[in-house]
Amino acid sequence: MGDILDYFVCDACAGKDFNLVYNFCLRFHGVNFSDDLIYDKAVDERFQCTKCEKTFSREEIESGLTRLRKARIKRD
């Protein structure tokens, strides 16, 4: 049996090519022992379809790949 490739595709346009898009932010919050704010740096990764520019989170892509795997295993 040869290799079978099932790609995660954009649910809006069926594109299979994605670019990685980063968002950077600082989250400021107080603490109960001081009046000063502290902050955490956060980086959000999104994957943008190169065809229609819809974005997906890593979790959405992993979920889609899990569905593909389960569908393929059921067919075989």
C-alpha atoms as a PDB file:
ATOM      1  CA  MET A   1       0.000   0.000   0.000  1.00  0.00           C
ATOM      2  CA  GLY A   2       1.352   3.423  -0.923  1.00  0.00           C
ATOM      3  CA  ASP A   3       1.322   6.560   1.156  1.00  0.00           C
ATOM      4  CA  ILE A   4      -1.920   8.486   1.583  1.00  0.00           C
ATOM      5  CA  LEU A   5      -1.751  12.187   2.343  1.00  0.00           C
ATOM      6  CA  ASP A   6      -4.757  13.916   3.915  1.00  0.00           C
ATOM      7  CA  TYR A   7      -4.237  17.652   4.375  1.00  0.00           C
ATOM      8  CA  PHE A   8      -5.875  20.002   6.817  1.00  0.00           C
ATOM      9  CA  VAL A   9      -7.690  22.495   4.597  1.00  0.00           C
ATOM     10  CA  CYS A  10      -9.292  25.851   5.272  1.00  0.00           C
ATOM     11  CA  ASP A  11     -13.003  25.379   5.900  1.00  0.00           C
ATOM     12  CA  ALA A  12     -13.767  28.635   4.068  1.00  0.00           C
ATOM     13  CA  CYS A  13     -11.924  28.103   0.767  1.00  0.00           C
ATOM     14  CA  ALA A  14     -10.317  24.615   0.912  1.00  0.00           C
ATOM     15  CA  GLY A  15      -6.813  26.114   0.730  1.00  0.00           C
ATOM     16  CA  LYS A  16      -4.054  23.973   2.227  1.00  0.00           C
ATOM     17  CA  ASP A  17      -1.229  26.526   2.514  1.00  0.00           C
ATOM     18  CA  PHE A  18      -0.832  28.597   5.683  1.00  0.00           C
ATOM     19  CA  ASN A  19       1.482  31.304   6.997  1.00  0.00           C
ATOM     20  CA  LEU A  20       2.375  31.622  10.647  1.00  0.00           C
ATOM     21  CA  VAL A  21       1.186  34.912  12.172  1.00  0.00           C
ATOM     22  CA  TYR A  22       2.324  36.088  15.610  1.00  0.00           C
ATOM     23  CA  ASN A  23       0.600  38.538  17.957  1.00  0.00           C
ATOM     24  CA  PHE A  24       2.600  39.980  20.852  1.00  0.00           C
ATOM     25  CA  CYS A  25       1.077  41.554  23.939  1.00  0.00           C
ATOM     26  CA  LEU A  26       1.690  42.426  27.560  1.00  0.00           C
ATOM     27  CA  ARG A  27      -0.946  41.454  30.112  1.00  0.00           C
ATOM     28  CA  PHE A  28      -1.000  43.835  33.078  1.00  0.00           C
ATOM     29  CA  HIS A  29      -2.605  42.830  36.366  1.00  0.00           C
ATOM     30  CA  GLY A  30      -2.516  43.756  39.996  1.00  0.00           C
ATOM     31  CA  VAL A  31      -1.406  41.688  42.914  1.00  0.00           C
ATOM     32  CA  ASN A  32      -2.896  41.730  46.374  1.00  0.00           C
ATOM     33  CA  PHE A  33       0.335  42.699  48.190  1.00  0.00           C
ATOM     34  CA  SER A  34       1.156  45.825  46.142  1.00  0.00           C
ATOM     35  CA  ASP A  35      -0.475  48.730  44.334  1.00  0.00           C
ATOM     36  CA  ASP A  36       1.926  48.276  41.445  1.00  0.00           C
ATOM     37  CA  LEU A  37       0.962  46.467  38.301  1.00  0.00           C
ATOM     38  CA  ILE A  38       2.921  43.468  37.121  1.00  0.00           C
ATOM     39  CA  TYR A  39       2.891  42.126  33.608  1.00  0.00           C
ATOM     40  CA  ASP A  40       3.342  38.954  31.613  1.00  0.00           C
ATOM     41  CA  LYS A  41       4.446  38.801  28.006  1.00  0.00           C
ATOM     42  CA  ALA A  42       2.244  36.664  25.754  1.00  0.00           C
ATOM     43  CA  VAL A  43       2.747  35.479  22.202  1.00  0.00           C
ATOM     44  CA  ASP A  44      -0.245  34.191  20.269  1.00  0.00           C
ATOM     45  CA  GLU A  45       0.352  32.000  17.225  1.00  0.00           C
ATOM     46  CA  ARG A  46      -2.213  31.929  14.459  1.00  0.00           C
ATOM     47  CA  PHE A  47      -2.063  30.205  11.092  1.00  0.00           C
ATOM     48  CA  GLN A  48      -3.421  32.251   8.188  1.00  0.00           C
ATOM     49  CA  CYS A  49      -4.726  30.680   4.997  1.00  0.00           C
ATOM     50  CA  THR A  50      -2.745  32.081   2.068  1.00  0.00           C
ATOM     51  CA  LYS A  51      -5.817  31.924  -0.179  1.00  0.00           C
ATOM     52  CA  CYS A  52      -8.566  33.662   1.828  1.00  0.00           C
ATOM     53  CA  GLU A  53      -6.612  34.902   4.903  1.00  0.00           C
ATOM     54  CA  LYS A  54      -8.847  33.170   7.465  1.00  0.00           C
ATOM     55  CA  THR A  55      -6.882  32.354  10.630  1.00  0.00           C
ATOM     56  CA  PHE A  56      -6.818  29.218  12.748  1.00  0.00           C
ATOM     57  CA  SER A  57      -5.348  28.456  16.154  1.00  0.00           C
ATOM     58  CA  ARG A  58      -2.972  25.558  16.681  1.00  0.00           C
ATOM     59  CA  GLU A  59      -5.763  23.795  18.601  1.00  0.00           C
ATOM     60  CA  GLU A  60      -8.179  24.144  15.661  1.00  0.00           C
ATOM     61  CA  ILE A  61      -5.623  22.643  13.291  1.00  0.00           C
ATOM     62  CA  GLU A  62      -4.796  19.791  15.683  1.00  0.00           C
ATOM     63  CA  SER A  63      -8.518  19.076  16.052  1.00  0.00           C
ATOM     64  CA  GLY A  64      -8.921  19.016  12.271  1.00  0.00           C
ATOM     65  CA  LEU A  65      -5.997  16.607  11.896  1.00  0.00           C
ATOM     66  CA  THR A  66      -7.510  14.357  14.568  1.00  0.00           C
ATOM     67  CA  ARG A  67     -10.786  14.264  12.609  1.00  0.00           C
ATOM     68  CA  LEU A  68      -8.876  13.334   9.440  1.00  0.00           C
ATOM     69  CA  ARG A  69      -7.047  10.540  11.243  1.00  0.00           C
ATOM     70  CA  LYS A  70     -10.239   9.120  12.745  1.00  0.00           C
ATOM     71  CA  ALA A  71     -12.036   9.269   9.390  1.00  0.00           C
ATOM     72  CA  ARG A  72      -9.152   7.481   7.629  1.00  0.00           C
ATOM     73  CA  ILE A  73      -8.922   4.762  10.277  1.00  0.00           C
ATOM     74  CA  LYS A  74     -12.673   4.083  10.020  1.00  0.00           C
ATOM     75  CA  ARG A  75     -12.466   3.698   6.210  1.00  0.00           C
ATOM     76  CA  ASP A  76      -9.567   1.233   6.236  1.00  0.00           C
END
